[in-house]
Protein backbone atom coordinates (compact mmCIF):
# COMPACT_ATOMS: atom_id res chain seq x y z
CA UNK A 1 -31.52 -5.07 15.30
CA UNK A 2 -28.52 -4.85 12.98
CA UNK A 3 -25.71 -2.59 14.15
CA UNK A 4 -23.54 -1.14 11.39
CA UNK A 5 -20.31 0.34 12.74
CA UNK A 6 -18.04 2.46 10.56
CA UNK A 7 -14.42 2.22 11.72
CA UNK A 8 -12.69 5.45 10.71
CA UNK A 9 -9.52 7.42 11.38
CA UNK A 10 -8.28 10.93 10.74
CA UNK A 11 -5.06 9.63 9.20
CA UNK A 12 -3.47 6.36 8.16
CA UNK A 13 -1.41 4.08 10.35
CA UNK A 14 -3.55 4.23 13.49
CA UNK A 15 -4.41 0.52 13.49
CA UNK A 16 -7.91 0.78 12.08
CA UNK A 17 -7.73 -2.55 10.24
CA UNK A 18 -6.28 -4.47 13.19
CA UNK A 19 -9.06 -3.02 15.36
CA UNK A 20 -11.73 -4.12 12.86
CA UNK A 21 -10.30 -7.64 12.77
CA UNK A 22 -9.78 -7.93 16.53
CA UNK A 23 -13.04 -6.32 17.56
CA UNK A 24 -15.02 -8.28 14.99
CA UNK A 25 -13.45 -11.57 16.06
CA UNK A 26 -14.22 -10.84 19.71
CA UNK A 27 -17.87 -10.10 18.87
CA UNK A 28 -18.09 -13.33 16.87
CA UNK A 29 -16.64 -15.34 19.74
CA UNK A 30 -19.27 -13.80 22.01
CA UNK A 31 -21.88 -15.55 19.89
CA UNK A 32 -22.76 -12.79 17.43
CA UNK A 33 -22.97 -13.22 13.68
CA UNK A 34 -20.51 -10.64 12.34
CA UNK A 35 -19.80 -9.35 8.83
CA UNK A 36 -16.57 -7.43 8.26
CA UNK A 37 -16.44 -5.20 5.18
CA UNK A 38 -13.15 -3.86 3.85
CA UNK A 39 -14.10 -0.41 2.61
CA UNK A 40 -10.59 0.71 1.68
CA UNK A 41 -10.81 0.40 -2.09
CA UNK A 42 -7.46 -0.09 -3.80
CA UNK A 43 -5.60 -0.48 -0.47
CA UNK A 44 -7.44 -3.45 0.96
CA UNK A 45 -5.64 -5.61 3.51
CA UNK A 46 -8.30 -6.87 5.91
CA UNK A 47 -8.16 -10.24 4.13
CA UNK A 48 -4.42 -10.46 4.92
CA UNK A 49 -4.90 -9.68 8.60
CA UNK A 50 -7.65 -12.31 8.84
CA UNK A 51 -5.67 -14.91 6.88
CA UNK A 52 -8.44 -15.11 4.26
CA UNK A 53 -6.75 -13.99 1.04
CA UNK A 54 -7.37 -17.34 -0.61
CA UNK A 55 -11.08 -17.26 0.24
CA UNK A 56 -12.24 -13.94 -1.18
CA UNK A 57 -13.63 -13.83 -4.71
CA UNK A 58 -16.21 -11.06 -4.79
CA UNK A 59 -16.09 -7.53 -3.37
CA UNK A 60 -18.72 -5.37 -1.74
CA UNK A 61 -19.02 -3.54 -5.08
CA UNK A 62 -20.35 -6.76 -6.64
CA UNK A 63 -23.12 -6.76 -4.04
CA UNK A 64 -23.98 -3.06 -4.15
CA UNK A 65 -23.99 -3.20 -7.96
CA UNK A 66 -26.42 -6.12 -7.94
CA UNK A 67 -24.11 -8.60 -9.67
CA UNK A 68 -23.98 -11.08 -6.78
CA UNK A 69 -26.11 -11.50 -3.62
CA UNK A 70 -24.36 -11.01 -0.30
CA UNK A 71 -24.76 -14.65 0.68
CA UNK A 72 -22.71 -15.70 -2.36
CA UNK A 73 -20.13 -12.91 -2.10
CA UNK A 74 -19.17 -13.14 1.56
CA UNK A 75 -16.44 -15.53 2.73
CA UNK A 76 -16.63 -17.44 6.00
CA UNK A 77 -13.67 -17.40 8.35
CA UNK A 78 -11.97 -20.82 8.53
CA UNK A 79 -11.85 -20.90 12.35
CA UNK A 80 -14.46 -18.47 13.64
CA UNK A 81 -17.70 -19.75 12.16
CA UNK A 82 -19.70 -16.63 13.10
CA UNK A 83 -17.28 -14.34 11.27
CA UNK A 84 -17.56 -13.39 7.59
CA UNK A 85 -15.61 -11.09 5.27
CA UNK A 86 -16.64 -9.02 2.27
CA UNK A 87 -13.54 -7.53 0.72
CA UNK A 88 -12.99 -4.28 -1.17
CA UNK A 89 -12.59 -3.95 -4.95
CA UNK A 90 -9.10 -3.31 -6.29
CA UNK A 91 -10.24 0.03 -7.73
CA UNK A 92 -12.80 2.55 -6.55
CA UNK A 93 -16.17 1.63 -8.11
CA UNK A 94 -19.18 3.81 -8.85
CA UNK A 95 -21.02 3.74 -5.53
CA UNK A 96 -24.60 4.72 -4.75
CA UNK A 97 -26.53 5.21 -1.55
CA UNK A 98 -29.22 2.83 -2.79
CA UNK A 99 -26.64 0.13 -3.45
CA UNK A 100 -25.27 0.50 0.08
CA UNK A 101 -28.79 0.38 1.49
CA UNK A 102 -29.42 -2.90 -0.34
CA UNK A 103 -26.22 -4.30 1.14
CA UNK A 104 -27.42 -3.44 4.65
CA UNK A 105 -30.83 -4.97 3.97
CA UNK A 106 -29.22 -8.21 2.78
CA UNK A 107 -26.96 -8.28 5.85
CA UNK A 108 -29.98 -8.02 8.13
CA UNK A 109 -31.87 -10.67 6.16
CA UNK A 110 -28.84 -12.96 6.46
CA UNK A 111 -29.12 -12.74 10.25
CA UNK A 112 -26.08 -10.63 11.03
CA UNK A 113 -25.98 -8.85 14.37
CA UNK A 114 -23.02 -6.61 13.50
CA UNK A 115 -21.47 -5.18 10.38
CA UNK A 116 -18.06 -3.55 10.87
CA UNK A 117 -16.84 -1.46 7.97
CA UNK A 118 -13.09 -0.84 7.82
CA UNK A 119 -13.25 2.55 6.13
CA UNK A 120 -10.50 4.34 4.21
CA UNK A 121 -8.11 6.54 6.17
CA UNK A 122 -8.83 10.25 6.25
CA UNK A 123 -11.87 11.85 4.67
CA UNK A 124 -12.11 10.76 1.01
CA UNK A 125 -15.35 11.26 -0.90
CA UNK A 126 -16.27 7.55 -0.87
CA UNK A 127 -16.49 7.65 2.92
CA UNK A 128 -19.93 9.26 2.57
CA UNK A 129 -21.37 6.13 0.94
CA UNK A 130 -20.00 3.86 3.67
CA UNK A 131 -21.24 6.25 6.35
CA UNK A 132 -24.69 6.28 4.76
CA UNK A 133 -25.59 2.89 6.26
CA UNK A 134 -23.70 3.28 9.55
CA UNK A 135 -25.69 3.39 12.78
CA UNK A 136 -22.59 4.37 14.77
CA UNK A 137 -18.88 4.97 14.31
CA UNK A 138 -15.60 4.20 16.04
CA UNK A 139 -12.68 6.54 15.41
CA UNK A 140 -9.34 4.83 15.96
CA UNK A 141 -6.38 7.01 16.90
CA UNK A 142 -3.03 6.94 18.64
CA UNK A 143 -2.26 9.31 21.51
CA UNK A 144 0.10 11.64 19.61
CA UNK A 145 -1.33 15.08 18.92
CA UNK A 146 -1.34 14.82 15.13
CA UNK A 147 -3.45 11.65 15.27
CA UNK A 148 -5.81 13.10 17.87
CA UNK A 149 -6.33 16.25 15.80
CA UNK A 150 -7.13 14.06 12.80
CA UNK A 151 -9.58 12.07 14.92
CA UNK A 152 -11.37 15.24 15.97
CA UNK A 153 -11.71 16.43 12.36
CA UNK A 154 -12.94 13.01 11.27
CA UNK A 155 -15.52 12.80 14.04
CA UNK A 156 -16.82 16.28 13.29
CA UNK A 157 -17.37 15.38 9.63
CA UNK A 158 -19.05 12.10 10.51
CA UNK A 159 -21.45 13.93 12.78
CA UNK A 160 -22.13 17.14 10.88
CA UNK A 161 -22.07 15.95 7.26
CA UNK A 162 -22.91 12.26 7.53
CA UNK A 163 -25.32 12.54 10.49
CA UNK A 164 -23.81 9.75 12.60
CA UNK A 165 -24.75 10.61 16.16
CA UNK A 166 -23.08 7.83 18.14
CA UNK A 167 -19.32 8.22 17.73
CA UNK A 168 -16.75 6.84 20.14
CA UNK A 169 -12.96 6.77 20.21
CA UNK A 170 -10.47 3.94 20.59
CA UNK A 171 -6.96 4.87 21.64
CA UNK A 172 -4.63 2.39 20.01
CA UNK A 173 -0.94 1.58 20.53
CA UNK A 174 -0.96 3.13 23.98
CA UNK A 175 2.50 3.15 25.59
CA UNK A 176 2.15 3.71 29.36
CA UNK A 177 5.87 4.21 29.99
CA UNK A 178 6.10 6.97 27.38
CA UNK A 179 3.00 8.64 28.85
CA UNK A 180 4.54 8.51 32.34
CA UNK A 181 7.74 10.12 31.03
CA UNK A 182 5.77 12.84 29.29
CA UNK A 183 6.94 11.72 25.85
CA UNK A 184 3.48 10.77 24.62
CA UNK A 185 0.10 12.44 24.93
CA UNK A 186 -1.94 11.22 27.87
CA UNK A 187 -5.39 9.69 27.70
CA UNK A 188 -7.32 12.55 29.32
CA UNK A 189 -5.76 15.12 26.98
CA UNK A 190 -6.62 12.96 23.96
CA UNK A 191 -10.23 12.69 25.07
CA UNK A 192 -10.48 16.43 25.68
CA UNK A 193 -8.92 17.39 22.35
CA UNK A 194 -10.93 14.90 20.29
CA UNK A 195 -14.13 15.62 22.21
CA UNK A 196 -15.16 11.98 22.04
CA UNK A 197 -16.20 9.40 24.64
CA UNK A 198 -13.70 6.60 25.06
CA UNK A 199 -14.73 3.11 23.94
CA UNK A 200 -11.45 1.48 24.86
CA UNK A 201 -7.67 1.45 25.14
CA UNK A 202 -5.44 -0.94 23.23
CA UNK A 203 -1.85 -1.20 24.47
CA UNK A 204 1.13 -1.44 22.16
CA UNK A 205 1.53 -5.18 21.63
CA UNK A 206 4.21 -6.86 19.50
CA UNK A 207 2.08 -9.98 19.21
CA UNK A 208 -0.53 -7.95 17.33
CA UNK A 209 2.01 -7.14 14.61
CA UNK A 210 3.13 -10.76 14.42
CA UNK A 211 -0.45 -12.03 14.19
CA UNK A 212 -1.33 -9.50 11.50
CA UNK A 213 1.58 -10.71 9.39
CA UNK A 214 0.66 -14.38 9.81
CA UNK A 215 -3.10 -14.03 9.46
CA UNK A 216 -3.75 -15.36 12.96
CA UNK A 217 -6.07 -13.77 15.48
CA UNK A 218 -4.38 -12.44 18.58
CA UNK A 219 -7.36 -13.76 20.52
CA UNK A 220 -6.15 -17.28 19.69
CA UNK A 221 -2.57 -16.55 20.73
CA UNK A 222 -2.93 -14.85 24.11
CA UNK A 223 -5.48 -13.57 26.60
CA UNK A 224 -3.75 -10.44 27.88
CA UNK A 225 -2.64 -7.15 26.33
CA UNK A 226 -4.35 -6.23 23.08
CA UNK A 227 -6.36 -9.46 23.14
CA UNK A 228 -8.00 -8.54 26.44
CA UNK A 229 -8.61 -5.01 25.16
CA UNK A 230 -10.52 -6.34 22.12
CA UNK A 231 -12.62 -8.58 24.36
CA UNK A 232 -13.50 -5.66 26.63
CA UNK A 233 -14.36 -3.41 23.69
CA UNK A 234 -16.66 -6.09 22.25
CA UNK A 235 -18.48 -6.30 25.58
CA UNK A 236 -18.90 -2.51 25.64
CA UNK A 237 -20.28 -2.55 22.10
CA UNK A 238 -22.81 -5.05 23.46
CA UNK A 239 -23.85 -2.54 26.10
CA UNK A 240 -21.99 -3.96 29.10
CA UNK A 241 -20.40 -1.63 31.62
CA UNK A 242 -16.80 -2.80 31.61
CA UNK A 243 -14.18 -0.71 33.46
CA UNK A 244 -11.04 0.29 31.62
CA UNK A 245 -8.19 -2.12 32.25
CA UNK A 246 -4.90 -0.95 33.73
CA UNK A 247 -2.26 -0.95 31.02
């Protein structure tokens, strides 16, 4: 059964796009057929992080509007053969729930196991159309209180207004030394304030920034740090019971 995961955040800059790329790549390397959709219209950058800017031609709006079938619009990753990208349009299009439903139907017919939607930051109106086809959501946040408060507001809207029942949290850019010195919010407090179950922790990792700038996957560069975190998160999305790593 197709799993459609909306990746959301209460505010920008939490690492939502890097999570979508890393988590999607890890799922693909576990043998799943994965479609990544950049849902951030006008501010798209998932193609840059994946190193696929020269491969994208059509956007998800071309598919939802009926201009092009999904199989023609999606671009295949040059290295990870199970991974595909459908980019965002450069301007916000006229969206419809029916158009999004047709996109999900085509994704299932194409044999995808997962669709990860990199949604826009915050709570813009277009988020409702992306959420319409989501079977679950991941809210990406940092440990600072402003980000956690935003994550809580985002999760509440996803649940109450968009009726997504399975919502989990990823704490990104975790800095253990700052937490130990009391200069950053700790993990338990973040979970309590957001009121969300924890899907995973991603440590602050300079290689992740470098890979995002070069279009390389961190999973190809190293096996520890953020790379290991993405692998563990992918296994949890698959239903495995994987303990949280020490970071």
